[in-house]
Amino acid sequence: MITDGGPADPFAGLDAYLGLPHVSGLWMSPGGSRLVTGVTRANREKNRDVTALWEVDAGPAGLKQPGC
């Protein structure tokens, strides 16, 4: 359920699809304890992309296969 007033199907039109955040790259720390990715999305004015770095849990709990 989408509650932010956005389109119900982001794949229904090109503008809605381009408005989705997208992941660009994964970087692992040398020790293997941190995994970072860049997440890019449009700014509030929708005239420029903004990238934020997100840290992904790279510990044993974060790397379990689904259903395990």
Protein backbone atom coordinates (compact mmCIF):
# COMPACT_ATOMS: atom_id res chain seq x y z
CA MET A 1 0.00 0.00 0.00
CA ILE A 2 1.38 3.42 -0.96
CA THR A 3 0.41 6.15 1.48
CA ASP A 4 2.55 9.10 0.32
CA GLY A 5 0.28 10.07 -2.58
CA GLY A 6 2.63 8.56 -5.16
CA PRO A 7 1.48 6.48 -8.11
CA ALA A 8 0.13 3.03 -7.33
CA ASP A 9 2.31 1.50 -10.08
CA PRO A 10 5.75 3.09 -10.54
CA PHE A 11 6.20 1.17 -13.78
CA ALA A 12 3.09 2.69 -15.40
CA GLY A 13 4.97 5.73 -16.72
CA LEU A 14 8.51 6.90 -17.40
CA ASP A 15 8.37 9.82 -14.93
CA ALA A 16 7.20 7.56 -12.10
CA TYR A 17 9.88 4.98 -12.92
CA LEU A 18 12.65 7.59 -13.04
CA GLY A 19 11.47 8.87 -9.64
CA LEU A 20 12.29 5.59 -7.94
CA PRO A 21 15.46 5.52 -5.82
CA HIS A 22 18.22 3.39 -7.31
CA VAL A 23 21.27 1.67 -5.85
CA SER A 24 24.64 2.40 -7.40
CA GLY A 25 27.50 0.18 -6.30
CA LEU A 26 28.51 -1.75 -3.23
CA TRP A 27 31.72 -1.19 -1.27
CA MET A 28 33.04 -3.56 1.40
CA SER A 29 35.47 -2.37 4.04
CA PRO A 30 38.90 -4.07 4.01
CA GLY A 31 38.03 -5.98 7.19
CA GLY A 32 34.67 -7.09 5.80
CA SER A 33 32.68 -5.60 8.68
CA ARG A 34 30.95 -2.79 6.73
CA LEU A 35 29.10 -2.75 3.43
CA VAL A 36 28.11 0.62 1.96
CA THR A 37 25.96 1.46 -1.07
CA GLY A 38 24.93 4.70 -2.75
CA VAL A 39 21.18 5.34 -3.07
CA THR A 40 20.21 8.04 -5.57
CA ARG A 41 16.85 9.76 -5.87
CA ALA A 42 15.47 13.08 -7.12
CA ASN A 43 15.55 16.10 -4.80
CA ARG A 44 12.32 17.79 -3.65
CA GLU A 45 12.24 20.08 -6.70
CA LYS A 46 12.82 17.06 -8.97
CA ASN A 47 15.50 18.91 -10.91
CA ARG A 48 18.63 17.16 -9.58
CA ASP A 49 19.65 13.75 -8.28
CA VAL A 50 20.93 13.44 -4.72
CA THR A 51 22.98 10.47 -3.52
CA ALA A 52 23.10 9.25 0.07
CA LEU A 53 25.38 6.55 1.43
CA TRP A 54 23.62 3.71 3.21
CA GLU A 55 25.36 1.19 5.43
CA VAL A 56 24.13 -2.38 5.04
CA ASP A 57 24.46 -4.86 7.89
CA ALA A 58 27.36 -7.07 6.82
CA GLY A 59 27.42 -9.13 9.99
CA PRO A 60 26.41 -12.79 10.11
CA ALA A 61 22.76 -11.88 10.67
CA GLY A 62 22.73 -9.58 7.63
CA LEU A 63 24.12 -12.21 5.25
CA LYS A 64 21.71 -15.08 5.96
CA GLN A 65 19.94 -16.63 3.01
CA PRO A 66 16.15 -16.22 2.96
CA GLY A 67 14.41 -19.04 4.79
CA CYS A 68 17.42 -19.99 6.92
